[in-house]
Amino acid sequence: MLSRYLAIVLLLAASGAVMPVAADIAVIVNPANTTALTNDELTRLYTGRSSALAAVNIAESSPLRGQFDEKGVGRSSAQLKAHWSKLVFTGKGTPPLELATEAAVIEHVAQNPNAIGYVDATSVTDAVKVVLTLN
């Protein structure tokens, strides 16, 4: 059974198929920010139920976005999109700022003391502080 599985994996790799790998996600803030963060507060920030920090998302097309939505907010990307559509339509909220790349998220958070974002844990630089790691 293991050799059959290995053969399938090798066949996929040889064909150039991409197999998604779940990344550790670092939730980051500006180094000057002293806010303690819980998973519940993270969910509240990314669903518009808290404005203690200005949440930043990576582009919807990034696989990291879907992983964060699941691990960090506990909802699928489709559920969050529907949630924000409803809030925007009723005038009760504005979704987090969306930036194209992890580098842009790091730069934005580094320049804004009240910003919070997330990147792949391997992308973290000294310009930001990790307050939570999701794996």
N, C-alpha and C. Protein backbone atom coordinates (compact mmCIF):
# COMPACT_ATOMS: atom_id res chain seq x y z
N MET A 1 0.82 -1.19 0.00
CA MET A 1 0.00 0.00 0.00
C MET A 1 0.87 1.25 0.00
N LEU A 2 1.92 1.26 0.82
CA LEU A 2 2.81 2.41 0.89
C LEU A 2 3.50 2.64 -0.45
N SER A 3 3.93 1.55 -1.11
CA SER A 3 4.62 1.72 -2.40
C SER A 3 3.67 2.28 -3.46
N ARG A 4 2.39 1.92 -3.39
CA ARG A 4 1.41 2.48 -4.33
C ARG A 4 1.24 3.98 -4.10
N TYR A 5 1.15 4.36 -2.81
CA TYR A 5 1.04 5.78 -2.45
C TYR A 5 2.28 6.53 -2.94
N LEU A 6 3.45 5.98 -2.70
CA LEU A 6 4.70 6.60 -3.11
C LEU A 6 4.74 6.75 -4.63
N ALA A 7 4.27 5.75 -5.35
CA ALA A 7 4.25 5.82 -6.81
C ALA A 7 3.34 6.95 -7.28
N ILE A 8 2.20 7.13 -6.63
CA ILE A 8 1.27 8.21 -6.99
C ILE A 8 1.91 9.57 -6.72
N VAL A 9 2.55 9.71 -5.57
CA VAL A 9 3.22 10.97 -5.23
C VAL A 9 4.32 11.27 -6.23
N LEU A 10 5.12 10.28 -6.58
CA LEU A 10 6.20 10.49 -7.55
C LEU A 10 5.64 10.84 -8.92
N LEU A 11 4.55 10.20 -9.31
CA LEU A 11 3.92 10.51 -10.59
C LEU A 11 3.42 11.95 -10.62
N LEU A 12 2.78 12.38 -9.54
CA LEU A 12 2.30 13.77 -9.45
C LEU A 12 3.46 14.75 -9.50
N ALA A 13 4.52 14.43 -8.79
CA ALA A 13 5.68 15.33 -8.76
C ALA A 13 6.32 15.41 -10.14
N ALA A 14 6.43 14.28 -10.82
CA ALA A 14 7.04 14.25 -12.15
C ALA A 14 6.19 15.00 -13.17
N SER A 15 4.89 14.99 -12.97
CA SER A 15 4.00 15.66 -13.91
C SER A 15 3.94 17.17 -13.68
N GLY A 16 4.56 17.63 -12.61
CA GLY A 16 4.56 19.06 -12.31
C GLY A 16 3.37 19.50 -11.50
N ALA A 17 2.56 18.55 -11.04
CA ALA A 17 1.40 18.90 -10.21
C ALA A 17 1.88 19.50 -8.90
N VAL A 18 1.20 20.52 -8.47
CA VAL A 18 1.56 21.19 -7.22
C VAL A 18 0.71 20.61 -6.11
N MET A 19 1.37 20.20 -5.05
CA MET A 19 0.66 19.69 -3.89
C MET A 19 0.73 20.75 -2.81
N PRO A 20 -0.42 21.31 -2.40
CA PRO A 20 -0.39 22.39 -1.41
C PRO A 20 0.16 21.91 -0.07
N VAL A 21 0.95 22.76 0.53
CA VAL A 21 1.52 22.47 1.83
C VAL A 21 1.02 23.52 2.81
N ALA A 22 0.48 23.08 3.92
CA ALA A 22 -0.01 24.02 4.91
C ALA A 22 1.19 24.70 5.58
N ALA A 23 1.15 26.00 5.60
CA ALA A 23 2.23 26.78 6.18
C ALA A 23 1.89 27.19 7.60
N ASP A 24 2.93 27.40 8.41
CA ASP A 24 2.72 28.07 9.69
C ASP A 24 2.50 29.54 9.35
N ILE A 25 1.49 30.11 9.95
CA ILE A 25 1.14 31.50 9.67
C ILE A 25 1.49 32.36 10.88
N ALA A 26 2.25 33.40 10.63
CA ALA A 26 2.63 34.34 11.69
C ALA A 26 1.70 35.54 11.63
N VAL A 27 1.02 35.81 12.73
CA VAL A 27 0.20 37.01 12.86
C VAL A 27 1.14 38.09 13.37
N ILE A 28 1.20 39.21 12.64
CA ILE A 28 2.23 40.22 12.92
C ILE A 28 1.62 41.59 13.23
N VAL A 29 2.36 42.33 14.05
CA VAL A 29 2.01 43.72 14.38
C VAL A 29 3.29 44.55 14.32
N ASN A 30 3.13 45.83 14.42
CA ASN A 30 4.24 46.75 14.50
C ASN A 30 5.00 46.47 15.80
N PRO A 31 6.33 46.53 15.79
CA PRO A 31 7.11 46.26 17.01
C PRO A 31 6.74 47.18 18.19
N ALA A 32 6.22 48.36 17.92
CA ALA A 32 5.84 49.28 19.00
C ALA A 32 4.51 48.90 19.64
N ASN A 33 3.78 48.01 19.02
CA ASN A 33 2.47 47.61 19.53
C ASN A 33 2.65 46.63 20.69
N THR A 34 2.00 46.91 21.82
CA THR A 34 2.13 46.06 23.01
C THR A 34 0.85 45.26 23.29
N THR A 35 -0.07 45.26 22.34
CA THR A 35 -1.34 44.56 22.52
C THR A 35 -1.13 43.06 22.62
N ALA A 36 -1.74 42.44 23.63
CA ALA A 36 -1.76 40.97 23.72
C ALA A 36 -2.91 40.49 22.84
N LEU A 37 -2.73 39.38 22.18
CA LEU A 37 -3.73 38.92 21.23
C LEU A 37 -4.12 37.47 21.51
N THR A 38 -5.41 37.22 21.56
CA THR A 38 -5.92 35.87 21.70
C THR A 38 -6.54 35.43 20.38
N ASN A 39 -6.81 34.16 20.23
CA ASN A 39 -7.47 33.67 19.02
C ASN A 39 -8.84 34.31 18.86
N ASP A 40 -9.55 34.50 19.97
CA ASP A 40 -10.87 35.11 19.92
C ASP A 40 -10.78 36.56 19.41
N GLU A 41 -9.80 37.31 19.91
CA GLU A 41 -9.63 38.69 19.46
C GLU A 41 -9.26 38.73 17.99
N LEU A 42 -8.45 37.79 17.54
CA LEU A 42 -8.09 37.72 16.12
C LEU A 42 -9.34 37.53 15.27
N THR A 43 -10.21 36.64 15.68
CA THR A 43 -11.46 36.41 14.97
C THR A 43 -12.31 37.68 14.96
N ARG A 44 -12.39 38.34 16.10
CA ARG A 44 -13.18 39.57 16.19
C ARG A 44 -12.63 40.65 15.25
N LEU A 45 -11.31 40.76 15.14
CA LEU A 45 -10.70 41.76 14.27
C LEU A 45 -11.01 41.48 12.80
N TYR A 46 -10.94 40.22 12.40
CA TYR A 46 -11.11 39.88 10.99
C TYR A 46 -12.56 39.64 10.59
N THR A 47 -13.48 39.79 11.54
CA THR A 47 -14.91 39.72 11.20
C THR A 47 -15.61 41.06 11.45
N GLY A 48 -14.84 42.06 11.83
CA GLY A 48 -15.40 43.40 12.00
C GLY A 48 -16.08 43.63 13.34
N ARG A 49 -15.93 42.69 14.27
CA ARG A 49 -16.56 42.87 15.58
C ARG A 49 -15.65 43.60 16.55
N SER A 50 -14.43 43.92 16.11
CA SER A 50 -13.50 44.71 16.92
C SER A 50 -12.72 45.61 15.98
N SER A 51 -12.43 46.80 16.46
CA SER A 51 -11.62 47.72 15.67
C SER A 51 -10.40 48.16 16.47
N ALA A 52 -9.99 47.30 17.42
CA ALA A 52 -8.84 47.63 18.26
C ALA A 52 -7.58 47.80 17.42
N LEU A 53 -7.48 47.06 16.33
CA LEU A 53 -6.36 47.17 15.39
C LEU A 53 -6.93 47.20 13.98
N ALA A 54 -6.16 47.75 13.04
CA ALA A 54 -6.59 47.79 11.64
C ALA A 54 -6.10 46.53 10.94
N ALA A 55 -7.02 45.61 10.67
CA ALA A 55 -6.67 44.34 10.05
C ALA A 55 -6.32 44.49 8.58
N VAL A 56 -5.32 43.71 8.16
CA VAL A 56 -4.87 43.69 6.77
C VAL A 56 -4.89 42.25 6.28
N ASN A 57 -5.46 42.04 5.10
CA ASN A 57 -5.49 40.73 4.46
C ASN A 57 -4.51 40.68 3.31
N ILE A 58 -4.06 39.48 3.00
CA ILE A 58 -3.29 39.27 1.77
C ILE A 58 -4.31 39.01 0.67
N ALA A 59 -3.92 39.16 -0.57
CA ALA A 59 -4.83 39.01 -1.71
C ALA A 59 -5.62 37.71 -1.64
N GLU A 60 -6.87 37.80 -2.06
CA GLU A 60 -7.77 36.65 -2.05
C GLU A 60 -7.23 35.48 -2.87
N SER A 61 -6.44 35.77 -3.89
CA SER A 61 -5.89 34.73 -4.75
C SER A 61 -4.75 33.95 -4.10
N SER A 62 -4.22 34.43 -3.01
CA SER A 62 -3.11 33.75 -2.32
C SER A 62 -3.62 32.54 -1.54
N PRO A 63 -2.95 31.39 -1.68
CA PRO A 63 -3.33 30.21 -0.88
C PRO A 63 -3.24 30.48 0.63
N LEU A 64 -2.34 31.37 1.01
CA LEU A 64 -2.18 31.71 2.43
C LEU A 64 -3.45 32.33 2.99
N ARG A 65 -4.17 33.07 2.17
CA ARG A 65 -5.42 33.71 2.61
C ARG A 65 -6.43 32.65 3.05
N GLY A 66 -6.61 31.63 2.25
CA GLY A 66 -7.55 30.56 2.60
C GLY A 66 -7.13 29.84 3.87
N GLN A 67 -5.85 29.60 4.01
CA GLN A 67 -5.34 28.94 5.22
C GLN A 67 -5.59 29.81 6.44
N PHE A 68 -5.35 31.11 6.31
CA PHE A 68 -5.58 32.02 7.43
C PHE A 68 -7.06 32.07 7.80
N ASP A 69 -7.91 32.16 6.79
CA ASP A 69 -9.35 32.21 7.06
C ASP A 69 -9.78 31.00 7.88
N GLU A 70 -9.28 29.83 7.53
CA GLU A 70 -9.63 28.60 8.25
C GLU A 70 -9.00 28.55 9.64
N LYS A 71 -7.67 28.75 9.70
CA LYS A 71 -6.94 28.61 10.96
C LYS A 71 -7.13 29.80 11.90
N GLY A 72 -7.13 30.99 11.36
CA GLY A 72 -7.17 32.18 12.19
C GLY A 72 -8.56 32.66 12.55
N VAL A 73 -9.50 32.52 11.61
CA VAL A 73 -10.85 33.04 11.82
C VAL A 73 -11.86 31.92 12.03
N GLY A 74 -11.50 30.71 11.61
CA GLY A 74 -12.39 29.57 11.81
C GLY A 74 -13.53 29.51 10.83
N ARG A 75 -13.37 30.16 9.67
CA ARG A 75 -14.40 30.14 8.63
C ARG A 75 -13.73 29.92 7.28
N SER A 76 -14.49 29.43 6.34
CA SER A 76 -13.95 29.30 4.99
C SER A 76 -13.88 30.69 4.34
N SER A 77 -13.11 30.79 3.29
CA SER A 77 -13.02 32.07 2.58
C SER A 77 -14.38 32.48 2.04
N ALA A 78 -15.16 31.52 1.56
CA ALA A 78 -16.49 31.81 1.03
C ALA A 78 -17.40 32.35 2.14
N GLN A 79 -17.32 31.78 3.32
CA GLN A 79 -18.12 32.26 4.44
C GLN A 79 -17.75 33.69 4.82
N LEU A 80 -16.45 33.97 4.86
CA LEU A 80 -16.00 35.32 5.20
C LEU A 80 -16.39 36.33 4.12
N LYS A 81 -16.30 35.92 2.87
CA LYS A 81 -16.69 36.82 1.79
C LYS A 81 -18.17 37.17 1.90
N ALA A 82 -19.01 36.17 2.19
CA ALA A 82 -20.44 36.41 2.36
C ALA A 82 -20.70 37.30 3.57
N HIS A 83 -19.98 37.06 4.66
CA HIS A 83 -20.11 37.87 5.88
C HIS A 83 -19.82 39.34 5.57
N TRP A 84 -18.69 39.60 4.90
CA TRP A 84 -18.32 40.98 4.60
C TRP A 84 -19.24 41.60 3.57
N SER A 85 -19.72 40.82 2.63
CA SER A 85 -20.68 41.36 1.65
C SER A 85 -21.92 41.89 2.34
N LYS A 86 -22.40 41.13 3.32
CA LYS A 86 -23.59 41.53 4.08
C LYS A 86 -23.31 42.82 4.86
N LEU A 87 -22.17 42.88 5.54
CA LEU A 87 -21.84 44.08 6.33
C LEU A 87 -21.68 45.31 5.44
N VAL A 88 -21.03 45.14 4.31
CA VAL A 88 -20.85 46.27 3.39
C VAL A 88 -22.20 46.71 2.84
N PHE A 89 -23.04 45.76 2.43
CA PHE A 89 -24.34 46.08 1.86
C PHE A 89 -25.23 46.85 2.84
N THR A 90 -25.16 46.47 4.11
CA THR A 90 -26.00 47.12 5.12
C THR A 90 -25.33 48.37 5.71
N GLY A 91 -24.11 48.66 5.27
CA GLY A 91 -23.41 49.84 5.76
C GLY A 91 -22.86 49.67 7.17
N LYS A 92 -22.71 48.43 7.60
CA LYS A 92 -22.26 48.18 8.98
C LYS A 92 -20.79 47.80 9.09
N GLY A 93 -20.06 47.86 8.00
CA GLY A 93 -18.66 47.51 8.11
C GLY A 93 -17.90 47.67 6.82
N THR A 94 -16.59 47.72 6.96
CA THR A 94 -15.67 47.78 5.84
C THR A 94 -14.67 46.65 6.02
N PRO A 95 -14.49 45.81 5.00
CA PRO A 95 -13.57 44.68 5.15
C PRO A 95 -12.13 45.15 5.34
N PRO A 96 -11.28 44.27 5.85
CA PRO A 96 -9.87 44.62 6.01
C PRO A 96 -9.23 45.04 4.69
N LEU A 97 -8.27 45.93 4.79
CA LEU A 97 -7.48 46.33 3.64
C LEU A 97 -6.85 45.08 3.03
N GLU A 98 -6.84 44.98 1.72
CA GLU A 98 -6.25 43.83 1.04
C GLU A 98 -5.00 44.26 0.29
N LEU A 99 -3.89 43.59 0.55
CA LEU A 99 -2.63 43.89 -0.11
C LEU A 99 -2.19 42.69 -0.95
N ALA A 100 -1.45 42.96 -2.02
CA ALA A 100 -1.14 41.94 -3.01
C ALA A 100 -0.13 40.88 -2.56
N THR A 101 0.83 41.26 -1.74
CA THR A 101 1.92 40.32 -1.42
C THR A 101 2.23 40.32 0.08
N GLU A 102 2.95 39.30 0.49
CA GLU A 102 3.39 39.24 1.89
C GLU A 102 4.33 40.40 2.19
N ALA A 103 5.18 40.75 1.23
CA ALA A 103 6.10 41.88 1.43
C ALA A 103 5.32 43.17 1.67
N ALA A 104 4.23 43.34 0.94
CA ALA A 104 3.41 44.55 1.13
C ALA A 104 2.74 44.55 2.50
N VAL A 105 2.31 43.37 2.97
CA VAL A 105 1.71 43.27 4.30
C VAL A 105 2.74 43.63 5.36
N ILE A 106 3.93 43.08 5.24
CA ILE A 106 5.00 43.38 6.21
C ILE A 106 5.32 44.87 6.21
N GLU A 107 5.45 45.46 5.03
CA GLU A 107 5.76 46.89 4.94
C GLU A 107 4.65 47.74 5.57
N HIS A 108 3.40 47.41 5.28
CA HIS A 108 2.28 48.17 5.82
C HIS A 108 2.24 48.08 7.35
N VAL A 109 2.38 46.88 7.87
CA VAL A 109 2.34 46.68 9.33
C VAL A 109 3.54 47.38 9.99
N ALA A 110 4.69 47.31 9.37
CA ALA A 110 5.89 47.95 9.92
C ALA A 110 5.74 49.47 10.00
N GLN A 111 4.95 50.04 9.09
CA GLN A 111 4.78 51.50 9.04
C GLN A 111 3.57 52.00 9.81
N ASN A 112 2.71 51.09 10.29
CA ASN A 112 1.47 51.49 10.96
C ASN A 112 1.35 50.82 12.32
N PRO A 113 1.53 51.59 13.40
CA PRO A 113 1.52 51.02 14.75
C PRO A 113 0.22 50.30 15.13
N ASN A 114 -0.90 50.63 14.48
CA ASN A 114 -2.17 49.99 14.83
C ASN A 114 -2.61 48.92 13.83
N ALA A 115 -1.71 48.51 12.95
CA ALA A 115 -2.06 47.51 11.95
C ALA A 115 -1.73 46.11 12.43
N ILE A 116 -2.49 45.14 11.93
CA ILE A 116 -2.24 43.73 12.18
C ILE A 116 -2.41 43.00 10.86
N GLY A 117 -1.54 42.05 10.61
CA GLY A 117 -1.60 41.27 9.38
C GLY A 117 -1.07 39.87 9.62
N TYR A 118 -0.87 39.14 8.56
CA TYR A 118 -0.33 37.79 8.66
C TYR A 118 0.48 37.47 7.42
N VAL A 119 1.48 36.63 7.62
CA VAL A 119 2.34 36.16 6.53
C VAL A 119 2.77 34.74 6.85
N ASP A 120 3.33 34.07 5.86
CA ASP A 120 3.95 32.78 6.11
C ASP A 120 5.05 33.00 7.15
N ALA A 121 5.15 32.12 8.11
CA ALA A 121 6.12 32.30 9.20
C ALA A 121 7.55 32.44 8.69
N THR A 122 7.86 31.85 7.54
CA THR A 122 9.22 31.96 6.99
C THR A 122 9.49 33.32 6.37
N SER A 123 8.47 34.14 6.20
CA SER A 123 8.63 35.46 5.57
C SER A 123 8.84 36.59 6.58
N VAL A 124 8.71 36.30 7.87
CA VAL A 124 8.80 37.34 8.90
C VAL A 124 10.19 37.99 8.89
N THR A 125 10.18 39.32 9.05
CA THR A 125 11.44 40.07 9.14
C THR A 125 11.49 40.78 10.49
N ASP A 126 12.61 41.43 10.75
CA ASP A 126 12.79 42.19 12.00
C ASP A 126 11.93 43.46 12.03
N ALA A 127 11.31 43.81 10.91
CA ALA A 127 10.50 45.03 10.84
C ALA A 127 9.16 44.88 11.55
N VAL A 128 8.77 43.63 11.90
CA VAL A 128 7.49 43.37 12.54
C VAL A 128 7.68 42.44 13.74
N LYS A 129 6.61 42.33 14.53
CA LYS A 129 6.64 41.46 15.71
C LYS A 129 5.55 40.39 15.56
N VAL A 130 5.91 39.15 15.82
CA VAL A 130 4.94 38.05 15.77
C VAL A 130 4.21 37.98 17.11
N VAL A 131 2.87 38.02 17.06
CA VAL A 131 2.09 37.96 18.29
C VAL A 131 1.33 36.64 18.42
N LEU A 132 1.25 35.89 17.35
CA LEU A 132 0.52 34.61 17.36
C LEU A 132 1.01 33.80 16.17
N THR A 133 1.18 32.50 16.39
CA THR A 133 1.53 31.60 15.28
C THR A 133 0.43 30.57 15.14
N LEU A 134 -0.07 30.43 13.93
CA LEU A 134 -1.12 29.48 13.62
C LEU A 134 -0.53 28.33 12.82
N ASN A 135 -0.77 27.11 13.27
CA ASN A 135 -0.24 25.98 12.50
C ASN A 135 -1.26 24.88 12.39
